[in-house]
Amino acid sequence: MIQRIATAVVLIPLVLLLVLKAPAYLLVIVAAAVALLAIAEFLKLATYYGVQPLSQLTYIFVAIFFAFVILASSNATPLMEATSAIFGIALAAALAPFVFLTAAMRRADLPTGYPAAAASTFAFAYIAIPMALLVEIRRQPAGAIWVIYTLLAVWAGDIFAYFIGKSIGRHRMSPDISPKKTWEGAIGSIVASILVGVVWFQHAPQISAFLLRAGLIDPRSGMFGLEQPRLWPIILLSGVVNVAAQLGDLVESLIKRGAGVKDSGSILPGHGGMLDRIDAMLFAVPVVWAFRAWTLMQ
């Protein structure tokens, strides 16, 4: 527990500073690095299922994808940026199985080809695309406010699920996949995310003004005056984000349980691997991005 807290104390300020101050290209580079580390852990997990993954090609494909993320929308309007992100990600997702299956044809052991290509394609869709969408959220108007909202909603839900589940949890949610998760913890997690989301956006103009005065954001990255979203959409969004985050955590637990391992890696003391740390975000980020893209298109 001490290691877990110490790691969080170091990482959380760094993540927030990165979200607030980092130029777009640096944010993409960091997102790509996180994605590649998580993908490396995922492909290692795949080997426990008897899959011989196309590791090097997967890393190259993901690196090229993030290079195009940097180049795609340098001077685009918010609407053009959201639209180009949709088409760019759709194109990459369509190309991924083609690239990996074509490479798998070169294997001498043909029965290993399809599982290897499937693992690489899934790794790209499961990890790289959500990390790219997180960057796209940051690039939108009020991007810093929305990214921090996503982080806080997921973190608050995770913390409350742990403590409420540990203190009053009695009914197991999915004992075969994650024995410690309870329905009481899950409900507390949803409530926590909704409360955090509502409080965050109620005070978003004041928070934005403070960050602007401190030189931590530019005006485009904050939320002011009439930009403040209505209450009920935020309540609904926060609830959906939390459910998505909990499903993301369960999905990674399923993958690890099937592989017979406790953690995806050991890069983060007290937290396990990179995939362990971002598993909930991988499902939550697309929900927030879809909401923001929809509001920009109205």
Protein backbone atom coordinates (compact mmCIF):
# COMPACT_ATOMS: atom_id res chain seq x y z
CA MET A 1 0.00 0.00 0.00
CA ILE A 2 2.85 2.42 0.85
CA GLN A 3 4.45 1.77 -2.56
CA ARG A 4 1.09 2.31 -4.26
CA ILE A 5 0.53 5.65 -2.53
CA ALA A 6 4.11 6.81 -3.16
CA THR A 7 3.84 6.00 -6.87
CA ALA A 8 0.51 7.86 -7.08
CA VAL A 9 1.95 10.90 -5.27
CA VAL A 10 4.73 11.12 -7.85
CA LEU A 11 2.71 10.29 -10.97
CA ILE A 12 -0.50 12.29 -10.44
CA PRO A 13 1.16 15.76 -10.40
CA LEU A 14 3.26 14.79 -13.43
CA VAL A 15 0.18 13.63 -15.34
CA LEU A 16 -1.76 16.79 -14.49
CA LEU A 17 1.16 19.02 -15.45
CA LEU A 18 1.50 17.13 -18.73
CA VAL A 19 -2.22 17.57 -19.47
CA LEU A 20 -2.10 21.29 -18.66
CA LYS A 21 1.20 22.47 -20.09
CA ALA A 22 2.64 19.98 -22.56
CA PRO A 23 2.56 20.98 -26.26
CA ALA A 24 0.45 18.75 -28.49
CA TYR A 25 3.38 16.86 -30.01
CA LEU A 26 4.80 16.00 -26.57
CA LEU A 27 1.40 14.79 -25.36
CA VAL A 28 1.20 12.50 -28.40
CA ILE A 29 4.71 11.17 -27.75
CA VAL A 30 3.88 10.37 -24.13
CA ALA A 31 0.55 8.78 -25.14
CA ALA A 32 2.41 6.68 -27.71
CA ALA A 33 5.00 5.59 -25.14
CA VAL A 34 2.29 4.59 -22.66
CA ALA A 35 0.43 2.72 -25.41
CA LEU A 36 3.56 0.86 -26.53
CA LEU A 37 4.43 -0.17 -22.95
CA ALA A 38 0.87 -1.41 -22.37
CA ILE A 39 0.84 -3.22 -25.72
CA ALA A 40 4.13 -4.93 -24.86
CA GLU A 41 2.54 -6.19 -21.64
CA PHE A 42 -0.60 -7.31 -23.48
CA LEU A 43 1.39 -9.22 -26.11
CA LYS A 44 3.33 -10.93 -23.34
CA LEU A 45 0.00 -11.96 -21.78
CA ALA A 46 -1.00 -13.35 -25.18
CA THR A 47 1.90 -15.79 -25.04
CA TYR A 48 0.26 -17.47 -22.03
CA TYR A 49 -2.62 -18.34 -24.37
CA GLY A 50 -0.20 -20.09 -26.74
CA VAL A 51 -0.09 -17.14 -29.16
CA GLN A 52 3.19 -16.12 -30.80
CA PRO A 53 2.48 -12.42 -31.42
CA LEU A 54 3.83 -10.21 -34.19
CA SER A 55 5.45 -7.96 -31.61
CA GLN A 56 7.90 -5.90 -33.68
CA LEU A 57 5.37 -5.23 -36.45
CA THR A 58 2.79 -4.21 -33.86
CA TYR A 59 5.16 -1.67 -32.32
CA ILE A 60 6.03 -0.25 -35.77
CA PHE A 61 2.35 0.00 -36.78
CA VAL A 62 1.43 1.77 -33.54
CA ALA A 63 4.39 4.17 -33.80
CA ILE A 64 3.43 5.11 -37.37
CA PHE A 65 -0.19 5.59 -36.26
CA PHE A 66 0.83 8.07 -33.56
CA ALA A 67 3.15 9.86 -35.99
CA PHE A 68 0.11 10.51 -38.17
CA VAL A 69 -1.82 11.65 -35.09
CA ILE A 70 0.79 14.39 -34.70
CA LEU A 71 0.55 15.44 -38.35
CA ALA A 72 -3.17 15.02 -38.99
CA SER A 73 -4.71 18.10 -37.38
CA SER A 74 -2.04 20.73 -36.84
CA ASN A 75 -4.17 23.67 -38.00
CA ALA A 76 -7.67 22.20 -38.11
CA THR A 77 -10.83 23.71 -36.67
CA PRO A 78 -12.42 21.74 -33.78
CA LEU A 79 -15.11 20.29 -36.07
CA MET A 80 -12.57 19.36 -38.76
CA GLU A 81 -10.34 17.85 -36.10
CA ALA A 82 -13.12 15.66 -34.69
CA THR A 83 -14.11 14.58 -38.21
CA SER A 84 -10.54 13.84 -39.28
CA ALA A 85 -10.00 11.83 -36.10
CA ILE A 86 -13.02 9.66 -36.93
CA PHE A 87 -11.84 8.96 -40.49
CA GLY A 88 -8.19 8.55 -39.50
CA ILE A 89 -8.92 6.04 -36.75
CA ALA A 90 -11.40 4.19 -38.96
CA LEU A 91 -8.77 3.91 -41.69
CA ALA A 92 -6.12 2.67 -39.25
CA ALA A 93 -8.56 0.15 -37.74
CA ALA A 94 -9.39 -1.13 -41.24
CA LEU A 95 -5.72 -1.40 -42.20
CA ALA A 96 -4.63 -3.19 -39.02
CA PRO A 97 -6.07 -6.66 -39.79
CA PHE A 98 -4.90 -6.37 -43.42
CA VAL A 99 -1.33 -5.54 -42.35
CA PHE A 100 -1.08 -8.16 -39.63
CA LEU A 101 -2.75 -10.98 -41.58
CA THR A 102 -0.52 -10.26 -44.58
CA ALA A 103 2.56 -10.46 -42.35
CA ALA A 104 1.28 -13.66 -40.75
CA MET A 105 1.18 -15.34 -44.18
CA ARG A 106 4.98 -15.43 -44.13
CA ARG A 107 5.08 -17.77 -41.14
CA ALA A 108 6.24 -21.31 -41.72
CA ASP A 109 3.90 -22.56 -38.99
CA LEU A 110 0.61 -21.50 -40.61
CA PRO A 111 -1.72 -22.34 -37.66
CA THR A 112 0.03 -19.64 -35.60
CA GLY A 113 -0.65 -16.91 -38.18
CA TYR A 114 -4.27 -15.99 -37.49
CA PRO A 115 -3.98 -15.95 -33.64
CA ALA A 116 -0.89 -13.75 -33.93
CA ALA A 117 -2.60 -11.30 -36.30
CA ALA A 118 -5.73 -11.27 -34.15
CA ALA A 119 -3.69 -10.46 -31.01
CA SER A 120 -1.92 -7.57 -32.76
CA THR A 121 -5.13 -6.18 -34.22
CA PHE A 122 -6.85 -6.38 -30.84
CA ALA A 123 -3.88 -4.74 -29.10
CA PHE A 124 -4.11 -1.80 -31.51
CA ALA A 125 -7.87 -1.36 -31.12
CA TYR A 126 -7.89 -2.01 -27.36
CA ILE A 127 -4.96 0.21 -26.36
CA ALA A 128 -3.64 2.49 -29.11
CA ILE A 129 -6.97 3.91 -30.29
CA PRO A 130 -8.19 5.01 -26.81
CA MET A 131 -4.82 6.62 -26.08
CA ALA A 132 -5.06 8.55 -29.36
CA LEU A 133 -8.61 9.62 -28.47
CA LEU A 134 -7.34 10.98 -25.15
CA VAL A 135 -5.00 13.25 -27.11
CA GLU A 136 -7.88 14.30 -29.36
CA ILE A 137 -9.98 15.27 -26.31
CA ARG A 138 -7.11 17.47 -25.11
CA ARG A 139 -6.92 19.21 -28.48
CA GLN A 140 -10.58 20.22 -28.44
CA PRO A 141 -11.87 23.48 -26.89
CA ALA A 142 -11.75 23.24 -23.08
CA GLY A 143 -9.62 20.14 -23.65
CA ALA A 144 -7.68 20.39 -20.38
CA ILE A 145 -10.91 20.58 -18.37
CA TRP A 146 -12.36 17.55 -20.14
CA VAL A 147 -9.23 15.41 -19.84
CA ILE A 148 -8.87 16.16 -16.13
CA TYR A 149 -12.58 15.43 -15.68
CA THR A 150 -12.04 12.02 -17.28
CA LEU A 151 -9.09 11.28 -15.03
CA LEU A 152 -10.88 12.42 -11.88
CA ALA A 153 -14.07 10.50 -12.68
CA VAL A 154 -12.13 7.28 -13.22
CA TRP A 155 -9.81 7.76 -10.24
CA ALA A 156 -12.63 8.68 -7.85
CA GLY A 157 -14.65 5.67 -8.97
CA ASP A 158 -11.67 3.36 -8.48
CA ILE A 159 -10.87 4.71 -4.99
CA PHE A 160 -14.46 4.56 -3.74
CA ALA A 161 -15.00 1.09 -5.21
CA TYR A 162 -12.00 -0.14 -3.24
CA PHE A 163 -12.85 1.40 0.13
CA ILE A 164 -16.60 0.86 0.02
CA GLY A 165 -16.18 -2.69 -1.25
CA LYS A 166 -13.64 -3.41 1.48
CA SER A 167 -15.74 -1.91 4.29
CA ILE A 168 -19.33 -2.93 3.45
CA GLY A 169 -19.07 -5.10 0.34
CA ARG A 170 -20.96 -8.39 0.71
CA HIS A 171 -22.22 -9.35 -2.74
CA ARG A 172 -19.53 -10.43 -5.20
CA MET A 173 -19.86 -8.94 -8.66
CA SER A 174 -17.79 -11.41 -10.65
CA PRO A 175 -16.05 -13.89 -8.35
CA ASP A 176 -14.46 -15.91 -11.17
CA ILE A 177 -12.86 -12.84 -12.80
CA SER A 178 -12.23 -10.41 -9.93
CA PRO A 179 -13.10 -11.94 -6.53
CA LYS A 180 -12.65 -8.71 -4.56
CA LYS A 181 -15.12 -6.61 -6.56
CA THR A 182 -18.56 -6.21 -5.03
CA TRP A 183 -21.86 -4.69 -6.13
CA GLU A 184 -21.74 -2.35 -3.14
CA GLY A 185 -18.35 -1.09 -4.29
CA ALA A 186 -19.61 -0.73 -7.86
CA ILE A 187 -22.60 1.38 -6.78
CA GLY A 188 -20.40 3.54 -4.57
CA SER A 189 -18.02 3.94 -7.49
CA ILE A 190 -20.80 5.24 -9.77
CA VAL A 191 -22.00 7.71 -7.13
CA ALA A 192 -18.44 8.97 -6.60
CA SER A 193 -17.85 9.56 -10.32
CA ILE A 194 -21.14 11.43 -10.66
CA LEU A 195 -20.40 13.63 -7.65
CA VAL A 196 -16.90 14.41 -8.86
CA GLY A 197 -18.17 15.18 -12.36
CA VAL A 198 -20.91 17.51 -11.12
CA VAL A 199 -18.61 19.37 -8.70
CA TRP A 200 -15.87 19.66 -11.32
CA PHE A 201 -18.10 21.25 -13.95
CA GLN A 202 -19.96 23.43 -11.48
CA HIS A 203 -16.62 25.03 -10.62
CA ALA A 204 -15.01 24.72 -14.06
CA PRO A 205 -15.11 28.49 -14.80
CA GLN A 206 -13.41 29.33 -11.49
CA ILE A 207 -10.87 26.51 -11.92
CA SER A 208 -10.16 27.65 -15.48
CA ALA A 209 -9.69 31.25 -14.35
CA PHE A 210 -7.25 30.15 -11.64
CA LEU A 211 -5.25 27.98 -14.07
CA LEU A 212 -5.21 30.81 -16.59
CA ARG A 213 -3.87 33.30 -14.02
CA ALA A 214 -1.25 30.75 -12.96
CA GLY A 215 -0.12 30.40 -16.56
CA LEU A 216 -0.94 26.68 -16.64
CA ILE A 217 -3.41 26.82 -19.53
CA ASP A 218 -4.32 29.06 -22.44
CA PRO A 219 -7.87 30.41 -22.85
CA ARG A 220 -8.79 27.77 -25.44
CA SER A 221 -8.05 24.95 -22.99
CA GLY A 222 -10.31 26.23 -20.20
CA MET A 223 -14.05 26.52 -19.74
CA PHE A 224 -15.66 29.90 -19.12
CA GLY A 225 -19.12 31.43 -18.73
CA LEU A 226 -21.68 30.00 -21.13
CA GLU A 227 -19.42 27.07 -22.03
CA GLN A 228 -20.39 25.32 -18.80
CA PRO A 229 -22.42 22.19 -19.72
CA ARG A 230 -25.87 21.48 -18.32
CA LEU A 231 -26.26 19.36 -15.19
CA TRP A 232 -28.22 16.34 -16.44
CA PRO A 233 -25.93 15.50 -19.38
CA ILE A 234 -22.95 15.57 -17.00
CA ILE A 235 -24.73 13.30 -14.51
CA LEU A 236 -25.57 10.83 -17.28
CA LEU A 237 -22.12 11.07 -18.85
CA SER A 238 -20.37 10.52 -15.50
CA GLY A 239 -22.46 7.45 -14.81
CA VAL A 240 -21.72 5.98 -18.24
CA VAL A 241 -18.01 6.82 -17.91
CA ASN A 242 -17.89 5.02 -14.58
CA VAL A 243 -19.63 1.91 -15.89
CA ALA A 244 -17.26 1.87 -18.88
CA ALA A 245 -14.27 2.22 -16.55
CA GLN A 246 -15.44 -0.65 -14.35
CA LEU A 247 -15.94 -2.82 -17.43
CA GLY A 248 -12.45 -1.91 -18.60
CA ASP A 249 -11.03 -3.06 -15.29
CA LEU A 250 -12.99 -6.32 -15.46
CA VAL A 251 -11.92 -6.99 -19.05
CA GLU A 252 -8.25 -6.70 -18.14
CA SER A 253 -8.84 -8.93 -15.11
CA LEU A 254 -10.41 -11.49 -17.46
CA ILE A 255 -7.34 -11.40 -19.71
CA LYS A 256 -4.97 -11.78 -16.75
CA ARG A 257 -7.10 -14.48 -15.11
CA GLY A 258 -7.05 -16.49 -18.33
CA ALA A 259 -3.28 -16.04 -18.55
CA GLY A 260 -2.86 -17.08 -14.92
CA VAL A 261 -1.02 -13.94 -13.80
CA LYS A 262 -1.76 -11.33 -11.13
CA ASP A 263 -0.35 -8.21 -12.83
CA SER A 264 0.35 -7.34 -16.45
CA GLY A 265 3.84 -6.13 -15.48
CA SER A 266 5.90 -4.51 -12.74
CA ILE A 267 6.91 -1.13 -14.19
CA LEU A 268 4.87 0.86 -11.62
CA PRO A 269 5.68 -0.07 -8.00
CA GLY A 270 2.52 -0.94 -6.11
CA HIS A 271 0.37 -0.69 -9.25
CA GLY A 272 1.71 -3.51 -11.39
CA GLY A 273 2.10 -2.86 -15.08
CA MET A 274 1.17 0.02 -17.35
CA LEU A 275 -1.87 -1.90 -18.61
CA ASP A 276 -3.00 -2.39 -15.00
CA ARG A 277 -2.89 1.38 -14.52
CA ILE A 278 -4.75 2.43 -17.68
CA ASP A 279 -7.22 -0.46 -18.09
CA ALA A 280 -10.22 1.55 -16.88
CA MET A 281 -9.23 4.59 -18.95
CA LEU A 282 -9.19 2.51 -22.13
CA PHE A 283 -12.96 2.05 -21.92
CA ALA A 284 -13.80 5.44 -20.37
CA VAL A 285 -11.93 7.68 -22.83
CA PRO A 286 -13.94 6.69 -25.95
CA VAL A 287 -17.15 7.55 -24.08
CA VAL A 288 -15.93 11.07 -23.27
CA TRP A 289 -14.52 11.56 -26.76
CA ALA A 290 -17.82 10.49 -28.36
CA PHE A 291 -19.73 12.92 -26.13
CA ARG A 292 -17.38 15.80 -27.00
CA ALA A 293 -17.45 14.99 -30.72
CA TRP A 294 -21.25 14.91 -30.61
CA THR A 295 -21.49 18.28 -28.82
CA LEU A 296 -19.06 19.88 -31.29
CA MET A 297 -21.16 18.69 -34.21
CA GLN A 298 -24.39 20.18 -32.84
